[in-house]
């Protein structure tokens, strides 16, 4: 399989999307080490681009006095020896989608929960709001997965009785309501019981893949909930091309 060293320099976005769609349709080939290497390189280029765009968004939010919730900041770099740890997971039959593997290797974690001073209402209940009518649900983008957390989820899954054990899933984000610190539903999840390249985001209303959700979040500068509430604040789609 041959593709440019820098797909974003050589190819238009529609070609990048098409090639990714073709790759995703061939997850049955992941047992071929050459194919896995190629699709991993492609996915990492995509996530490197996504990381650059998210960092730009975070820098702009900082300049605009956005109030981030996470006390450790909105972004954490990839964990030490993350690629080796992911390979260990595969040996234990824990199959992160290739797209998530690439995210963890290129970006780490991102948590945009919080609120912007330009919004008509708060995007998060910091303890000073008593009703949902005082909050806007921005569905701030979050991908918070660590090696230790995956290990914890897997051990919890193994401890379940057989009749309780659904296929293994990885929680990577709270749902759109919990992100605003109000009672909500189950977290956004990715299936991890079999090798795959991309995966459907479970419990998320758009029924997108993981890459599709990232694209949607980037189009809305990190806050895709504004697609549903266009009159609740000054927010627009991103001008730069997305991944």
C-alpha atoms as a PDB file:
ATOM      1  CA  UNK A   1       0.000   0.000   0.000  1.00  0.00           C
ATOM      2  CA  UNK A   2       1.407   3.363  -0.992  1.00  0.00           C
ATOM      3  CA  UNK A   3       0.413   6.817   0.184  1.00  0.00           C
ATOM      4  CA  UNK A   4       2.253  10.130   0.633  1.00  0.00           C
ATOM      5  CA  UNK A   5       4.452  10.844   3.617  1.00  0.00           C
ATOM      6  CA  UNK A   6       2.259  13.885   4.241  1.00  0.00           C
ATOM      7  CA  UNK A   7      -1.250  13.146   3.013  1.00  0.00           C
ATOM      8  CA  UNK A   8      -2.473  16.629   3.971  1.00  0.00           C
ATOM      9  CA  UNK A   9       0.114  18.238   1.737  1.00  0.00           C
ATOM     10  CA  UNK A  10      -0.326  15.919  -1.241  1.00  0.00           C
ATOM     11  CA  UNK A  11      -4.030  15.063  -1.265  1.00  0.00           C
ATOM     12  CA  UNK A  12      -7.311  17.025  -1.069  1.00  0.00           C
ATOM     13  CA  UNK A  13      -9.496  16.301   1.932  1.00  0.00           C
ATOM     14  CA  UNK A  14     -12.050  14.290  -0.021  1.00  0.00           C
ATOM     15  CA  UNK A  15      -9.269  11.933  -1.193  1.00  0.00           C
ATOM     16  CA  UNK A  16      -8.056  11.524   2.398  1.00  0.00           C
ATOM     17  CA  UNK A  17     -11.593  10.673   3.534  1.00  0.00           C
ATOM     18  CA  UNK A  18     -12.095   8.200   0.688  1.00  0.00           C
ATOM     19  CA  UNK A  19      -8.813   6.392   1.320  1.00  0.00           C
ATOM     20  CA  UNK A  20      -9.649   6.143   5.029  1.00  0.00           C
ATOM     21  CA  UNK A  21     -13.092   4.710   4.232  1.00  0.00           C
ATOM     22  CA  UNK A  22     -11.485   2.060   2.025  1.00  0.00           C
ATOM     23  CA  UNK A  23      -9.012   1.158   4.750  1.00  0.00           C
ATOM     24  CA  UNK A  24     -11.756   0.862   7.371  1.00  0.00           C
ATOM     25  CA  UNK A  25     -13.602  -1.611   5.147  1.00  0.00           C
ATOM     26  CA  UNK A  26     -10.559  -3.923   5.257  1.00  0.00           C
ATOM     27  CA  UNK A  27     -10.198  -4.511   8.990  1.00  0.00           C
ATOM     28  CA  UNK A  28     -10.218  -8.270   8.226  1.00  0.00           C
ATOM     29  CA  UNK A  29      -6.633  -7.717   7.007  1.00  0.00           C
ATOM     30  CA  UNK A  30      -5.289  -6.524  10.349  1.00  0.00           C
ATOM     31  CA  UNK A  31      -3.654  -9.904  10.914  1.00  0.00           C
ATOM     32  CA  UNK A  32      -1.256  -8.981   8.108  1.00  0.00           C
ATOM     33  CA  UNK A  33       1.567  -7.088   9.836  1.00  0.00           C
ATOM     34  CA  UNK A  34       2.362  -5.106   6.699  1.00  0.00           C
ATOM     35  CA  UNK A  35      -1.229  -3.911   6.340  1.00  0.00           C
ATOM     36  CA  UNK A  36      -1.473  -3.076  10.055  1.00  0.00           C
ATOM     37  CA  UNK A  37       1.715  -1.032   9.784  1.00  0.00           C
ATOM     38  CA  UNK A  38       0.381   0.876   6.774  1.00  0.00           C
ATOM     39  CA  UNK A  39      -3.022   1.641   8.281  1.00  0.00           C
ATOM     40  CA  UNK A  40      -1.385   2.676  11.561  1.00  0.00           C
ATOM     41  CA  UNK A  41       0.876   5.151   9.740  1.00  0.00           C
ATOM     42  CA  UNK A  42      -2.140   6.572   7.915  1.00  0.00           C
ATOM     43  CA  UNK A  43      -4.166   6.866  11.123  1.00  0.00           C
ATOM     44  CA  UNK A  44      -1.296   8.535  12.944  1.00  0.00           C
ATOM     45  CA  UNK A  45      -1.026  11.169  10.209  1.00  0.00           C
ATOM     46  CA  UNK A  46      -4.722  11.900  10.686  1.00  0.00           C
ATOM     47  CA  UNK A  47      -4.404  12.132  14.453  1.00  0.00           C
ATOM     48  CA  UNK A  48      -1.289  14.291  14.229  1.00  0.00           C
ATOM     49  CA  UNK A  49      -3.355  16.735  12.175  1.00  0.00           C
ATOM     50  CA  UNK A  50      -6.230  16.499  14.660  1.00  0.00           C
ATOM     51  CA  UNK A  51      -3.823  17.177  17.516  1.00  0.00           C
ATOM     52  CA  UNK A  52      -2.521  20.321  15.809  1.00  0.00           C
ATOM     53  CA  UNK A  53      -6.079  21.593  15.338  1.00  0.00           C
ATOM     54  CA  UNK A  54      -7.131  20.818  18.906  1.00  0.00           C
ATOM     55  CA  UNK A  55      -4.020  22.559  20.240  1.00  0.00           C
ATOM     56  CA  UNK A  56      -4.917  25.609  18.175  1.00  0.00           C
ATOM     57  CA  UNK A  57      -8.448  25.547  19.604  1.00  0.00           C
ATOM     58  CA  UNK A  58      -7.129  25.213  23.165  1.00  0.00           C
ATOM     59  CA  UNK A  59      -4.710  28.119  22.645  1.00  0.00           C
ATOM     60  CA  UNK A  60      -7.574  30.297  21.400  1.00  0.00           C
ATOM     61  CA  UNK A  61      -9.774  29.273  24.331  1.00  0.00           C
ATOM     62  CA  UNK A  62      -6.992  30.181  26.756  1.00  0.00           C
ATOM     63  CA  UNK A  63      -6.680  33.604  25.168  1.00  0.00           C
ATOM     64  CA  UNK A  64     -10.450  34.084  25.467  1.00  0.00           C
ATOM     65  CA  UNK A  65     -10.487  33.253  29.217  1.00  0.00           C
ATOM     66  CA  UNK A  66     -12.268  29.951  28.779  1.00  0.00           C
ATOM     67  CA  UNK A  67     -12.699  28.215  32.145  1.00  0.00           C
ATOM     68  CA  UNK A  68     -11.483  24.616  31.827  1.00  0.00           C
ATOM     69  CA  UNK A  69     -12.804  22.115  34.356  1.00  0.00           C
ATOM     70  CA  UNK A  70      -9.906  19.662  34.401  1.00  0.00           C
ATOM     71  CA  UNK A  71      -7.435  20.788  37.102  1.00  0.00           C
ATOM     72  CA  UNK A  72      -4.580  19.199  35.116  1.00  0.00           C
ATOM     73  CA  UNK A  73      -5.386  21.246  32.036  1.00  0.00           C
ATOM     74  CA  UNK A  74      -7.236  20.384  28.844  1.00  0.00           C
ATOM     75  CA  UNK A  75      -4.525  18.256  27.238  1.00  0.00           C
ATOM     76  CA  UNK A  76      -2.023  15.665  28.442  1.00  0.00           C
ATOM     77  CA  UNK A  77       0.716  14.255  26.174  1.00  0.00           C
ATOM     78  CA  UNK A  78       0.998  10.595  25.163  1.00  0.00           C
ATOM     79  CA  UNK A  79       2.005   8.228  27.929  1.00  0.00           C
ATOM     80  CA  UNK A  80       5.519   6.789  28.165  1.00  0.00           C
ATOM     81  CA  UNK A  81       6.077   3.822  25.810  1.00  0.00           C
ATOM     82  CA  UNK A  82       2.417   3.932  24.818  1.00  0.00           C
ATOM     83  CA  UNK A  83       2.927   1.990  21.571  1.00  0.00           C
ATOM     84  CA  UNK A  84       4.513  -0.898  23.497  1.00  0.00           C
ATOM     85  CA  UNK A  85       1.657  -0.903  25.998  1.00  0.00           C
ATOM     86  CA  UNK A  86      -0.892  -1.013  23.203  1.00  0.00           C
ATOM     87  CA  UNK A  87       0.918  -4.011  21.697  1.00  0.00           C
ATOM     88  CA  UNK A  88       0.718  -5.702  25.110  1.00  0.00           C
ATOM     89  CA  UNK A  89      -3.031  -5.118  25.109  1.00  0.00           C
ATOM     90  CA  UNK A  90      -3.351  -6.905  21.776  1.00  0.00           C
ATOM     91  CA  UNK A  91      -1.462  -9.877  23.213  1.00  0.00           C
ATOM     92  CA  UNK A  92      -4.104  -9.984  25.980  1.00  0.00           C
ATOM     93  CA  UNK A  93      -6.931  -9.886  23.419  1.00  0.00           C
ATOM     94  CA  UNK A  94      -7.757  -6.236  24.189  1.00  0.00           C
ATOM     95  CA  UNK A  95      -8.260  -4.699  20.765  1.00  0.00           C
ATOM     96  CA  UNK A  96      -8.293  -0.920  20.724  1.00  0.00           C
ATOM     97  CA  UNK A  97      -9.419   0.341  17.326  1.00  0.00           C
ATOM     98  CA  UNK A  98      -6.421   1.484  15.279  1.00  0.00           C
ATOM     99  CA  UNK A  99      -7.865   5.019  15.254  1.00  0.00           C
ATOM    100  CA  UNK A 100      -7.845   5.118  19.068  1.00  0.00           C
ATOM    101  CA  UNK A 101      -4.336   3.649  19.174  1.00  0.00           C
ATOM    102  CA  UNK A 102      -3.188   6.430  16.857  1.00  0.00           C
ATOM    103  CA  UNK A 103      -4.915   9.051  19.018  1.00  0.00           C
ATOM    104  CA  UNK A 104      -3.168   7.800  22.154  1.00  0.00           C
ATOM    105  CA  UNK A 105       0.217   7.732  20.399  1.00  0.00           C
ATOM    106  CA  UNK A 106      -0.061  11.176  18.783  1.00  0.00           C
ATOM    107  CA  UNK A 107      -2.210  13.233  21.162  1.00  0.00           C
ATOM    108  CA  UNK A 108      -2.742  11.628  24.576  1.00  0.00           C
ATOM    109  CA  UNK A 109      -5.880  12.938  26.273  1.00  0.00           C
ATOM    110  CA  UNK A 110      -8.078  15.984  25.681  1.00  0.00           C
ATOM    111  CA  UNK A 111     -10.825  17.381  27.905  1.00  0.00           C
ATOM    112  CA  UNK A 112     -12.539  20.589  26.774  1.00  0.00           C
ATOM    113  CA  UNK A 113     -15.269  20.619  29.427  1.00  0.00           C
ATOM    114  CA  UNK A 114     -15.842  24.053  30.888  1.00  0.00           C
ATOM    115  CA  UNK A 115     -17.450  27.348  29.949  1.00  0.00           C
ATOM    116  CA  UNK A 116     -16.767  30.392  27.772  1.00  0.00           C
ATOM    117  CA  UNK A 117     -17.451  34.000  28.875  1.00  0.00           C
ATOM    118  CA  UNK A 118     -19.091  34.777  25.521  1.00  0.00           C
ATOM    119  CA  UNK A 119     -21.774  32.124  25.878  1.00  0.00           C
ATOM    120  CA  UNK A 120     -25.282  33.157  26.930  1.00  0.00           C
ATOM    121  CA  UNK A 121     -25.278  30.516  29.684  1.00  0.00           C
ATOM    122  CA  UNK A 122     -22.649  28.433  31.431  1.00  0.00           C
ATOM    123  CA  UNK A 123     -21.455  25.295  29.667  1.00  0.00           C
ATOM    124  CA  UNK A 124     -20.836  23.607  33.021  1.00  0.00           C
ATOM    125  CA  UNK A 125     -22.476  23.544  36.429  1.00  0.00           C
ATOM    126  CA  UNK A 126     -19.709  24.745  38.707  1.00  0.00           C
ATOM    127  CA  UNK A 127     -22.105  24.524  41.670  1.00  0.00           C
ATOM    128  CA  UNK A 128     -23.812  27.875  41.174  1.00  0.00           C
ATOM    129  CA  UNK A 129     -26.643  26.717  38.876  1.00  0.00           C
ATOM    130  CA  UNK A 130     -29.738  24.952  40.128  1.00  0.00           C
ATOM    131  CA  UNK A 131     -31.729  24.088  36.984  1.00  0.00           C
ATOM    132  CA  UNK A 132     -30.996  22.741  33.533  1.00  0.00           C
ATOM    133  CA  UNK A 133     -32.416  25.948  32.034  1.00  0.00           C
ATOM    134  CA  UNK A 134     -29.324  27.754  33.348  1.00  0.00           C
ATOM    135  CA  UNK A 135     -26.901  25.435  31.508  1.00  0.00           C
ATOM    136  CA  UNK A 136     -26.118  24.941  27.825  1.00  0.00           C
ATOM    137  CA  UNK A 137     -25.098  21.459  26.745  1.00  0.00           C
ATOM    138  CA  UNK A 138     -22.138  22.020  24.418  1.00  0.00           C
ATOM    139  CA  UNK A 139     -20.983  18.370  24.315  1.00  0.00           C
ATOM    140  CA  UNK A 140     -17.398  19.577  24.792  1.00  0.00           C
ATOM    141  CA  UNK A 141     -14.988  17.125  23.187  1.00  0.00           C
ATOM    142  CA  UNK A 142     -13.357  14.647  25.556  1.00  0.00           C
ATOM    143  CA  UNK A 143     -11.115  11.684  24.896  1.00  0.00           C
ATOM    144  CA  UNK A 144      -9.710  10.603  28.231  1.00  0.00           C
ATOM    145  CA  UNK A 145      -8.191   7.124  27.957  1.00  0.00           C
ATOM    146  CA  UNK A 146      -5.065   5.946  29.742  1.00  0.00           C
ATOM    147  CA  UNK A 147      -3.325   2.578  29.861  1.00  0.00           C
ATOM    148  CA  UNK A 148      -4.181   2.112  33.530  1.00  0.00           C
ATOM    149  CA  UNK A 149      -7.830   2.948  32.865  1.00  0.00           C
ATOM    150  CA  UNK A 150      -8.108   0.398  30.049  1.00  0.00           C
ATOM    151  CA  UNK A 151      -6.491  -2.175  32.310  1.00  0.00           C
ATOM    152  CA  UNK A 152      -8.968  -1.323  35.079  1.00  0.00           C
ATOM    153  CA  UNK A 153     -11.966  -1.612  32.728  1.00  0.00           C
ATOM    154  CA  UNK A 154     -10.746  -4.959  31.437  1.00  0.00           C
ATOM    155  CA  UNK A 155     -10.262  -6.413  34.915  1.00  0.00           C
ATOM    156  CA  UNK A 156     -13.723  -5.192  35.908  1.00  0.00           C
ATOM    157  CA  UNK A 157     -15.141  -6.813  32.771  1.00  0.00           C
ATOM    158  CA  UNK A 158     -13.409 -10.129  33.525  1.00  0.00           C
ATOM    159  CA  UNK A 159     -14.864 -10.116  37.040  1.00  0.00           C
ATOM    160  CA  UNK A 160     -18.432 -10.130  35.714  1.00  0.00           C
ATOM    161  CA  UNK A 161     -20.453 -13.328  35.652  1.00  0.00           C
ATOM    162  CA  UNK A 162     -20.778 -14.815  32.211  1.00  0.00           C
ATOM    163  CA  UNK A 163     -24.437 -13.859  31.762  1.00  0.00           C
ATOM    164  CA  UNK A 164     -23.601 -10.232  32.680  1.00  0.00           C
ATOM    165  CA  UNK A 165     -20.612  -9.954  30.365  1.00  0.00           C
ATOM    166  CA  UNK A 166     -21.405  -8.043  27.198  1.00  0.00           C
ATOM    167  CA  UNK A 167     -18.578  -7.587  24.640  1.00  0.00           C
ATOM    168  CA  UNK A 168     -15.736  -5.533  26.109  1.00  0.00           C
ATOM    169  CA  UNK A 169     -15.991  -1.774  25.612  1.00  0.00           C
ATOM    170  CA  UNK A 170     -13.759   1.177  26.428  1.00  0.00           C
ATOM    171  CA  UNK A 171     -15.301   4.273  27.994  1.00  0.00           C
ATOM    172  CA  UNK A 172     -13.524   7.282  26.519  1.00  0.00           C
ATOM    173  CA  UNK A 173     -15.816  10.215  27.321  1.00  0.00           C
ATOM    174  CA  UNK A 174     -18.740  11.174  29.545  1.00  0.00           C
ATOM    175  CA  UNK A 175     -22.022  11.649  27.716  1.00  0.00           C
ATOM    176  CA  UNK A 176     -23.167  15.129  26.612  1.00  0.00           C
ATOM    177  CA  UNK A 177     -25.046  15.778  29.866  1.00  0.00           C
ATOM    178  CA  UNK A 178     -22.377  14.615  32.315  1.00  0.00           C
ATOM    179  CA  UNK A 179     -19.932  16.903  30.484  1.00  0.00           C
ATOM    180  CA  UNK A 180     -22.046  19.795  31.769  1.00  0.00           C
ATOM    181  CA  UNK A 181     -21.973  18.271  35.287  1.00  0.00           C
ATOM    182  CA  UNK A 182     -25.639  17.313  35.248  1.00  0.00           C
ATOM    183  CA  UNK A 183     -27.184  13.856  35.513  1.00  0.00           C
ATOM    184  CA  UNK A 184     -27.026  12.003  32.224  1.00  0.00           C
ATOM    185  CA  UNK A 185     -26.646   8.610  30.633  1.00  0.00           C
ATOM    186  CA  UNK A 186     -23.923   6.048  29.925  1.00  0.00           C
ATOM    187  CA  UNK A 187     -20.505   7.174  28.678  1.00  0.00           C
ATOM    188  CA  UNK A 188     -19.395   7.245  25.070  1.00  0.00           C
ATOM    189  CA  UNK A 189     -17.754   3.901  24.372  1.00  0.00           C
ATOM    190  CA  UNK A 190     -15.832   1.977  21.713  1.00  0.00           C
ATOM    191  CA  UNK A 191     -16.062  -1.773  21.259  1.00  0.00           C
ATOM    192  CA  UNK A 192     -12.720  -3.493  21.852  1.00  0.00           C
ATOM    193  CA  UNK A 193     -13.470  -7.203  21.657  1.00  0.00           C
ATOM    194  CA  UNK A 194     -12.131  -7.755  18.129  1.00  0.00           C
ATOM    195  CA  UNK A 195      -9.500  -6.145  15.871  1.00  0.00           C
ATOM    196  CA  UNK A 196     -10.804  -3.072  14.068  1.00  0.00           C
ATOM    197  CA  UNK A 197      -9.611   0.083  12.348  1.00  0.00           C
ATOM    198  CA  UNK A 198     -12.359   2.505  13.340  1.00  0.00           C
ATOM    199  CA  UNK A 199     -15.356   1.846  15.579  1.00  0.00           C
ATOM    200  CA  UNK A 200     -18.869   3.133  16.120  1.00  0.00           C
ATOM    201  CA  UNK A 201     -19.145   5.482  19.094  1.00  0.00           C
ATOM    202  CA  UNK A 202     -21.735   3.846  21.320  1.00  0.00           C
ATOM    203  CA  UNK A 203     -24.311   5.902  23.263  1.00  0.00           C
ATOM    204  CA  UNK A 204     -23.715   9.012  21.134  1.00  0.00           C
ATOM    205  CA  UNK A 205     -26.675  10.413  19.216  1.00  0.00           C
ATOM    206  CA  UNK A 206     -24.989  10.912  15.831  1.00  0.00           C
ATOM    207  CA  UNK A 207     -24.068   7.218  15.405  1.00  0.00           C
ATOM    208  CA  UNK A 208     -20.644   8.209  14.071  1.00  0.00           C
ATOM    209  CA  UNK A 209     -17.353   6.363  14.153  1.00  0.00           C
ATOM    210  CA  UNK A 210     -14.562   7.577  16.422  1.00  0.00           C
ATOM    211  CA  UNK A 211     -12.924   9.426  13.520  1.00  0.00           C
ATOM    212  CA  UNK A 212     -16.312  10.789  12.501  1.00  0.00           C
ATOM    213  CA  UNK A 213     -16.882  12.176  15.997  1.00  0.00           C
ATOM    214  CA  UNK A 214     -13.471  13.858  15.951  1.00  0.00           C
ATOM    215  CA  UNK A 215     -14.300  15.456  12.594  1.00  0.00           C
ATOM    216  CA  UNK A 216     -17.629  16.709  13.932  1.00  0.00           C
ATOM    217  CA  UNK A 217     -15.986  18.129  17.060  1.00  0.00           C
ATOM    218  CA  UNK A 218     -13.332  19.919  15.032  1.00  0.00           C
ATOM    219  CA  UNK A 219     -15.932  21.454  12.717  1.00  0.00           C
ATOM    220  CA  UNK A 220     -17.558  22.967  15.799  1.00  0.00           C
ATOM    221  CA  UNK A 221     -14.236  24.075  17.325  1.00  0.00           C
ATOM    222  CA  UNK A 222     -14.468  21.450  20.064  1.00  0.00           C
ATOM    223  CA  UNK A 223     -18.144  21.891  20.966  1.00  0.00           C
ATOM    224  CA  UNK A 224     -20.451  19.939  18.629  1.00  0.00           C
ATOM    225  CA  UNK A 225     -23.426  20.489  20.925  1.00  0.00           C
ATOM    226  CA  UNK A 226     -23.833  23.910  19.291  1.00  0.00           C
ATOM    227  CA  UNK A 227     -25.174  22.066  16.269  1.00  0.00           C
ATOM    228  CA  UNK A 228     -28.323  21.586  18.390  1.00  0.00           C
ATOM    229  CA  UNK A 229     -28.365  25.000  20.126  1.00  0.00           C
ATOM    230  CA  UNK A 230     -27.234  27.590  17.542  1.00  0.00           C
ATOM    231  CA  UNK A 231     -28.935  30.490  19.347  1.00  0.00           C
ATOM    232  CA  UNK A 232     -27.383  29.895  22.766  1.00  0.00           C
ATOM    233  CA  UNK A 233     -24.006  31.490  22.220  1.00  0.00           C
ATOM    234  CA  UNK A 234     -21.539  33.049  19.849  1.00  0.00           C
ATOM    235  CA  UNK A 235     -19.973  29.977  18.265  1.00  0.00           C
ATOM    236  CA  UNK A 236     -19.307  29.008  14.688  1.00  0.00           C
ATOM    237  CA  UNK A 237     -17.790  26.196  12.712  1.00  0.00           C
ATOM    238  CA  UNK A 238     -14.047  26.068  12.201  1.00  0.00           C
ATOM    239  CA  UNK A 239     -12.606  27.649   9.053  1.00  0.00           C
ATOM    240  CA  UNK A 240      -9.616  25.355   8.663  1.00  0.00           C
ATOM    241  CA  UNK A 241      -9.930  21.976   6.941  1.00  0.00           C
ATOM    242  CA  UNK A 242     -10.577  19.112   9.323  1.00  0.00           C
ATOM    243  CA  UNK A 243      -8.953  15.687   9.284  1.00  0.00           C
END
